[in-house]
Amino acid sequence: MVVPMFDEEAVIGLFVERLRPVLDDLGQAYEVLVVDDGSRDTTPALLEKARRDWEQLRVVRLRANAGHQAALSAGLVRARGAWIATIDADLQDPPETIADMLTAAREQSADVVYGVRNDRTTDSAFKRHTAGVYYRMIRRLVGQHVPADAGDFRLMSRAMVDAVNRLPEQNRVLRLVVPALGFPSAQVEYRREERAAGTTKYPLSRMIRLTVDSLTGFSIAPLRLATWFGLGGAAVTFLLLAFALLAFVTDHTVPGWTSTFVAVAAVGAVQLLCLGLLGEYVGRLYTQLQGRPTYHIAYDSEDDTNR
């Protein structure tokens, strides 16, 4: 198990109480690797307390908050085992589904099993609407291989995780990286529950950042959009030129600033939008060339165990 956590002091006790029986009932060896993503509350202390009573619990602490996707990546790099499941600590994704995922993987010979939300009534109307728009847009631009309403709750084989870890990509979005690799997959549906405690760690700003990373990291459609804007602007300019010449020849020119202002503002807005889209891609290339790690490990409880 790989579990990213950031300021989850309110839910840790509930999470442990609910996850541990599920894993114990599987009847096989397991490890729960919690990645503390630079928490500022008592999350690290509570994890250490839980580790005293749960020997299968392993804590990896990042030096600073690196983000949800980076914390997941850090966990996948250090995770062991034939199967690795990723889940958030808020209990919106039911741990009991893990057993169904493992069964589906073995029966269908799948390397990845996606947890697909078939009921999101516990989410707010805004969350449901924006999530629906996100998945429809991604599936249209990236491809239908991306499962709809599947977040970061999934089960992966050792081969799948090794393939993900070999990728040199920075700012990866795992919910798109995993299906893009094309490994055999299956799906298990479940009802998304309410957050057990605490507050969401995915505000609107992070949702927007995730959307931008998803688009610029997996599709050249925004670049093509810039191209279409350029062609559209050229066509409009041609029509305006023809209109201006016709007005000049027929002596119907009327001096005015409104039309000029609107035309200049529209062209300027399109240019800025295209530059912004190009800048996103150039920025990703620059970050990739720098090769800077997206996270830094401060502590791994496994090191203490091996001493």
Protein backbone atom coordinates (compact mmCIF):
# COMPACT_ATOMS: atom_id res chain seq x y z
CA MET A 1 0.00 0.00 0.00
CA VAL A 2 1.19 3.52 -0.83
CA VAL A 3 -0.64 6.29 1.02
CA PRO A 4 0.28 9.99 0.55
CA MET A 5 -0.59 12.20 3.51
CA PHE A 6 -0.50 15.94 4.09
CA ASP A 7 -1.89 17.43 7.31
CA GLU A 8 -4.16 14.45 7.98
CA GLU A 9 -4.02 14.39 11.80
CA ALA A 10 -7.81 14.30 12.03
CA VAL A 11 -8.22 11.14 9.97
CA ILE A 12 -5.16 8.98 10.75
CA GLY A 13 -6.82 7.03 13.59
CA LEU A 14 -9.91 6.27 11.51
CA PHE A 15 -7.81 5.33 8.51
CA VAL A 16 -5.70 2.83 10.47
CA GLU A 17 -8.76 1.30 12.15
CA ARG A 18 -10.43 0.72 8.81
CA LEU A 19 -7.47 -0.29 6.63
CA ARG A 20 -5.71 -2.73 8.95
CA PRO A 21 -8.52 -5.32 9.19
CA VAL A 22 -8.90 -5.29 5.41
CA LEU A 23 -5.22 -6.08 4.85
CA ASP A 24 -5.06 -8.63 7.66
CA ASP A 25 -7.98 -10.51 6.13
CA LEU A 26 -6.10 -10.91 2.83
CA GLY A 27 -4.05 -13.62 4.49
CA GLN A 28 -0.71 -12.64 2.99
CA ALA A 29 2.28 -10.47 3.79
CA TYR A 30 1.82 -6.74 3.19
CA GLU A 31 3.37 -3.35 3.85
CA VAL A 32 1.70 0.03 4.25
CA LEU A 33 4.04 2.79 3.07
CA VAL A 34 2.78 6.20 4.17
CA VAL A 35 4.45 9.18 2.50
CA ASP A 36 4.25 12.23 4.75
CA ASP A 37 4.29 15.10 2.26
CA GLY A 38 5.81 17.71 4.58
CA SER A 39 2.89 17.89 7.02
CA ARG A 40 2.76 20.92 9.31
CA ASP A 41 0.48 19.43 11.98
CA THR A 42 0.91 16.39 14.23
CA THR A 43 0.67 13.89 11.37
CA PRO A 44 4.33 12.72 11.73
CA ALA A 45 3.96 12.12 15.47
CA LEU A 46 0.67 10.24 15.04
CA LEU A 47 2.20 8.06 12.34
CA GLU A 48 5.11 7.15 14.58
CA LYS A 49 2.67 6.29 17.35
CA ALA A 50 0.65 4.07 15.00
CA ARG A 51 3.85 2.38 13.80
CA ARG A 52 4.60 1.11 17.31
CA ASP A 53 1.42 -0.98 17.27
CA TRP A 54 1.42 -1.88 13.58
CA GLU A 55 4.68 -3.42 12.43
CA GLN A 56 3.64 -3.43 8.77
CA LEU A 57 3.36 0.36 8.79
CA ARG A 58 6.30 2.14 7.19
CA VAL A 59 6.70 5.92 7.20
CA VAL A 60 8.60 7.92 4.59
CA ARG A 61 8.82 11.64 5.25
CA LEU A 62 9.57 14.27 2.60
CA ARG A 63 11.62 17.32 3.54
CA ALA A 64 9.03 19.72 2.15
CA ASN A 65 5.59 19.61 0.62
CA ALA A 66 6.07 18.37 -2.94
CA GLY A 67 2.47 17.79 -3.97
CA HIS A 68 0.15 14.81 -4.17
CA GLN A 69 1.54 13.35 -7.40
CA ALA A 70 5.16 13.72 -6.27
CA ALA A 71 4.36 12.02 -2.96
CA LEU A 72 2.73 9.14 -4.83
CA SER A 73 5.80 8.85 -7.06
CA ALA A 74 8.08 8.78 -4.02
CA GLY A 75 6.01 5.96 -2.56
CA LEU A 76 6.06 3.92 -5.76
CA VAL A 77 9.85 4.18 -5.96
CA ARG A 78 10.26 2.74 -2.44
CA ALA A 79 7.34 0.33 -2.41
CA ARG A 80 7.98 -3.41 -2.35
CA GLY A 81 5.81 -6.38 -3.11
CA ALA A 82 4.20 -8.15 -6.06
CA TRP A 83 1.19 -5.80 -5.99
CA ILE A 84 1.06 -2.11 -5.04
CA ALA A 85 -2.18 -0.27 -4.30
CA THR A 86 -2.41 3.51 -3.97
CA ILE A 87 -5.09 5.18 -1.88
CA ASP A 88 -5.68 8.51 -0.15
CA ALA A 89 -6.11 8.72 3.60
CA ASP A 90 -9.44 10.58 3.60
CA LEU A 91 -11.44 7.30 3.27
CA GLN A 92 -13.47 8.60 0.35
CA ASP A 93 -12.14 5.58 -1.51
CA PRO A 94 -13.21 2.52 0.58
CA PRO A 95 -10.27 0.27 1.58
CA GLU A 96 -12.60 -2.74 1.42
CA THR A 97 -12.44 -2.46 -2.40
CA ILE A 98 -8.76 -3.50 -2.37
CA ALA A 99 -9.69 -7.19 -1.97
CA ASP A 100 -11.98 -6.94 -5.02
CA MET A 101 -9.18 -5.29 -6.99
CA LEU A 102 -6.75 -8.08 -6.14
CA THR A 103 -9.29 -10.70 -7.15
CA ALA A 104 -10.00 -8.92 -10.44
CA ALA A 105 -6.29 -8.62 -11.22
CA ARG A 106 -5.70 -12.32 -10.74
CA GLU A 107 -8.84 -13.55 -12.50
CA GLN A 108 -8.43 -11.22 -15.51
CA SER A 109 -4.60 -11.36 -15.64
CA ALA A 110 -4.50 -7.56 -15.40
CA ASP A 111 -1.45 -5.50 -14.48
CA VAL A 112 -3.55 -2.58 -13.27
CA VAL A 113 -7.01 -2.40 -11.76
CA TYR A 114 -8.66 1.02 -11.68
CA GLY A 115 -11.06 2.05 -8.97
CA VAL A 116 -13.92 3.70 -10.86
CA ARG A 117 -16.43 5.88 -9.03
CA ASN A 118 -19.95 4.96 -10.11
CA ASP A 119 -21.63 7.16 -7.49
CA ARG A 120 -20.33 10.63 -6.56
CA THR A 121 -23.41 12.00 -4.80
CA THR A 122 -21.34 12.70 -1.69
CA ASP A 123 -19.30 15.26 -3.63
CA SER A 124 -20.50 18.83 -4.05
CA ALA A 125 -22.28 19.80 -7.26
CA PHE A 126 -19.29 21.95 -8.23
CA LYS A 127 -16.88 19.06 -7.68
CA ARG A 128 -19.02 16.64 -9.71
CA HIS A 129 -19.41 19.13 -12.56
CA THR A 130 -15.73 20.08 -12.78
CA ALA A 131 -14.64 16.44 -12.53
CA GLY A 132 -17.04 15.51 -15.32
CA VAL A 133 -15.69 18.29 -17.54
CA TYR A 134 -12.10 17.24 -16.76
CA TYR A 135 -12.57 13.57 -17.67
CA ARG A 136 -14.60 14.31 -20.81
CA MET A 137 -11.94 16.75 -22.00
CA ILE A 138 -9.04 14.43 -21.18
CA ARG A 139 -10.65 11.42 -22.85
CA ARG A 140 -11.36 13.49 -25.96
CA LEU A 141 -7.88 15.01 -26.21
CA VAL A 142 -5.68 12.22 -24.81
CA GLY A 143 -7.66 9.13 -25.76
CA GLN A 144 -10.47 6.81 -24.71
CA HIS A 145 -7.95 4.53 -22.97
CA VAL A 146 -8.13 6.88 -19.97
CA PRO A 147 -10.86 5.45 -17.70
CA ALA A 148 -13.59 7.92 -16.77
CA ASP A 149 -13.99 8.81 -13.09
CA ALA A 150 -10.84 6.93 -12.08
CA GLY A 151 -8.54 8.91 -9.80
CA ASP A 152 -5.46 7.66 -7.98
CA PHE A 153 -7.12 4.68 -6.30
CA ARG A 154 -5.71 1.72 -8.19
CA LEU A 155 -3.87 -1.60 -7.87
CA MET A 156 -0.72 -2.21 -9.94
CA SER A 157 1.54 -5.18 -10.52
CA ARG A 158 5.26 -5.08 -9.85
CA ALA A 159 5.92 -4.90 -13.61
CA MET A 160 3.55 -1.94 -13.92
CA VAL A 161 5.19 -0.03 -11.08
CA ASP A 162 8.69 -0.73 -12.41
CA ALA A 163 7.64 0.65 -15.80
CA VAL A 164 6.29 3.83 -14.17
CA ASN A 165 9.44 4.27 -12.09
CA ARG A 166 11.65 4.05 -15.19
CA LEU A 167 9.97 7.05 -16.80
CA PRO A 168 12.13 10.21 -16.64
CA GLU A 169 9.11 12.52 -16.79
CA GLN A 170 8.80 15.42 -14.34
CA ASN A 171 5.45 16.70 -13.00
CA ARG A 172 3.80 13.42 -13.94
CA VAL A 173 0.06 12.90 -13.61
CA LEU A 174 -0.23 9.24 -12.66
CA ARG A 175 -3.89 8.89 -13.58
CA LEU A 176 -2.79 9.53 -17.19
CA VAL A 177 0.71 8.00 -17.11
CA VAL A 178 -0.52 4.56 -16.02
CA PRO A 179 -3.14 4.03 -18.78
CA ALA A 180 -0.76 5.52 -21.38
CA LEU A 181 1.66 2.61 -20.85
CA GLY A 182 -0.95 0.23 -22.25
CA PHE A 183 -0.66 -2.64 -19.76
CA PRO A 184 -3.63 -5.05 -19.47
CA SER A 185 -6.21 -3.49 -17.18
CA ALA A 186 -9.48 -4.10 -15.37
CA GLN A 187 -11.93 -1.97 -13.42
CA VAL A 188 -13.74 -2.23 -10.11
CA GLU A 189 -16.60 0.16 -9.42
CA TYR A 190 -17.37 1.65 -6.02
CA ARG A 191 -19.35 4.40 -4.35
CA ARG A 192 -17.32 7.43 -3.37
CA GLU A 193 -17.85 8.22 0.30
CA GLU A 194 -17.69 11.44 2.25
CA ARG A 195 -14.35 12.53 3.69
CA ALA A 196 -14.06 10.87 7.10
CA ALA A 197 -12.45 13.91 8.77
CA GLY A 198 -10.32 16.94 8.05
CA THR A 199 -10.44 19.15 4.98
CA THR A 200 -9.67 18.57 1.31
CA LYS A 201 -6.08 19.04 0.15
CA TYR A 202 -7.16 19.67 -3.44
CA PRO A 203 -8.49 23.25 -3.59
CA LEU A 204 -9.44 24.92 -6.85
CA SER A 205 -5.89 26.15 -7.51
CA ARG A 206 -4.46 22.60 -7.35
CA MET A 207 -7.28 21.28 -9.51
CA ILE A 208 -6.41 23.87 -12.15
CA ARG A 209 -2.71 22.98 -11.89
CA LEU A 210 -3.57 19.29 -12.33
CA THR A 211 -5.63 20.11 -15.42
CA VAL A 212 -2.80 22.18 -16.95
CA ASP A 213 -0.25 19.42 -16.25
CA SER A 214 -2.63 16.85 -17.74
CA LEU A 215 -3.13 18.82 -20.94
CA THR A 216 0.45 19.95 -21.54
CA GLY A 217 1.94 16.63 -20.48
CA PHE A 218 -0.20 14.32 -22.60
CA SER A 219 -1.61 16.25 -25.54
CA ILE A 220 -0.46 18.67 -28.23
CA ALA A 221 -4.05 19.84 -28.69
CA PRO A 222 -3.34 23.22 -27.01
CA LEU A 223 -0.58 23.84 -29.56
CA ARG A 224 -2.98 22.95 -32.35
CA LEU A 225 -5.51 25.29 -30.75
CA ALA A 226 -2.94 28.08 -31.05
CA THR A 227 -2.48 27.18 -34.70
CA TRP A 228 -6.22 27.32 -35.32
CA PHE A 229 -6.41 30.68 -33.56
CA GLY A 230 -3.68 31.93 -35.87
CA LEU A 231 -5.47 30.66 -38.98
CA GLY A 232 -8.76 32.09 -37.75
CA GLY A 233 -7.11 35.44 -37.04
CA ALA A 234 -5.60 35.46 -40.53
CA ALA A 235 -9.01 34.76 -42.09
CA VAL A 236 -10.68 37.52 -40.09
CA THR A 237 -7.86 39.91 -41.00
CA PHE A 238 -8.31 39.10 -44.69
CA LEU A 239 -12.05 39.79 -44.47
CA LEU A 240 -11.47 43.07 -42.64
CA LEU A 241 -8.93 44.09 -45.26
CA ALA A 242 -11.37 43.33 -48.05
CA PHE A 243 -14.08 45.30 -46.22
CA ALA A 244 -11.71 48.27 -45.69
CA LEU A 245 -10.69 48.33 -49.35
CA LEU A 246 -14.33 48.15 -50.45
CA ALA A 247 -15.26 50.99 -48.09
CA PHE A 248 -12.34 53.06 -49.34
CA VAL A 249 -13.26 52.54 -52.99
CA THR A 250 -16.93 53.41 -52.42
CA ASP A 251 -15.99 56.35 -50.20
CA HIS A 252 -17.86 55.00 -47.16
CA THR A 253 -15.02 55.19 -44.67
CA VAL A 254 -16.09 56.60 -41.29
CA PRO A 255 -13.35 57.52 -38.81
CA GLY A 256 -13.86 55.87 -35.45
CA TRP A 257 -12.01 54.25 -32.65
CA THR A 258 -14.47 51.54 -31.56
CA SER A 259 -13.84 49.08 -34.38
CA THR A 260 -10.10 49.68 -34.22
CA PHE A 261 -10.05 49.16 -30.46
CA VAL A 262 -12.06 45.95 -30.64
CA ALA A 263 -9.90 44.52 -33.44
CA VAL A 264 -6.62 45.34 -31.70
CA ALA A 265 -7.86 44.00 -28.37
CA ALA A 266 -9.08 40.75 -29.93
CA VAL A 267 -5.84 40.14 -31.83
CA GLY A 268 -3.81 40.98 -28.74
CA ALA A 269 -5.81 38.57 -26.60
CA VAL A 270 -5.34 35.73 -29.10
CA GLN A 271 -1.60 36.43 -29.30
CA LEU A 272 -1.23 36.40 -25.53
CA LEU A 273 -3.20 33.16 -25.27
CA CYS A 274 -1.01 31.50 -27.89
CA LEU A 275 2.14 32.74 -26.17
CA GLY A 276 0.85 31.38 -22.87
CA LEU A 277 0.20 27.95 -24.38
CA LEU A 278 3.65 27.89 -25.95
CA GLY A 279 5.13 29.03 -22.65
CA GLU A 280 3.57 26.06 -20.83
CA TYR A 281 5.29 23.62 -23.19
CA VAL A 282 8.60 25.47 -23.12
CA GLY A 283 8.41 25.52 -19.32
CA ARG A 284 7.91 21.75 -19.19
CA LEU A 285 10.90 21.23 -21.48
CA TYR A 286 13.00 23.54 -19.32
CA THR A 287 12.02 21.70 -16.15
CA GLN A 288 12.73 18.34 -17.78
CA LEU A 289 16.18 19.45 -18.95
CA GLN A 290 17.06 20.70 -15.48
CA GLY A 291 16.48 17.21 -14.12
CA ARG A 292 15.79 18.45 -10.60
CA PRO A 293 14.05 15.91 -8.35
CA THR A 294 10.44 16.67 -7.50
CA TYR A 295 10.88 15.51 -3.89
CA HIS A 296 13.58 14.91 -1.27
CA ILE A 297 13.43 12.09 1.28
CA ALA A 298 14.06 13.22 4.86
CA TYR A 299 13.32 9.98 6.72
CA ASP A 300 12.37 6.36 6.12
CA SER A 301 11.36 4.23 9.11
CA GLU A 302 12.67 1.18 7.26
CA ASP A 303 16.20 2.51 7.77
CA ASP A 304 15.67 2.42 11.55
CA THR A 305 14.37 -1.15 11.34
CA ASN A 306 17.44 -2.37 9.45
CA ARG A 307 19.95 -0.87 11.86
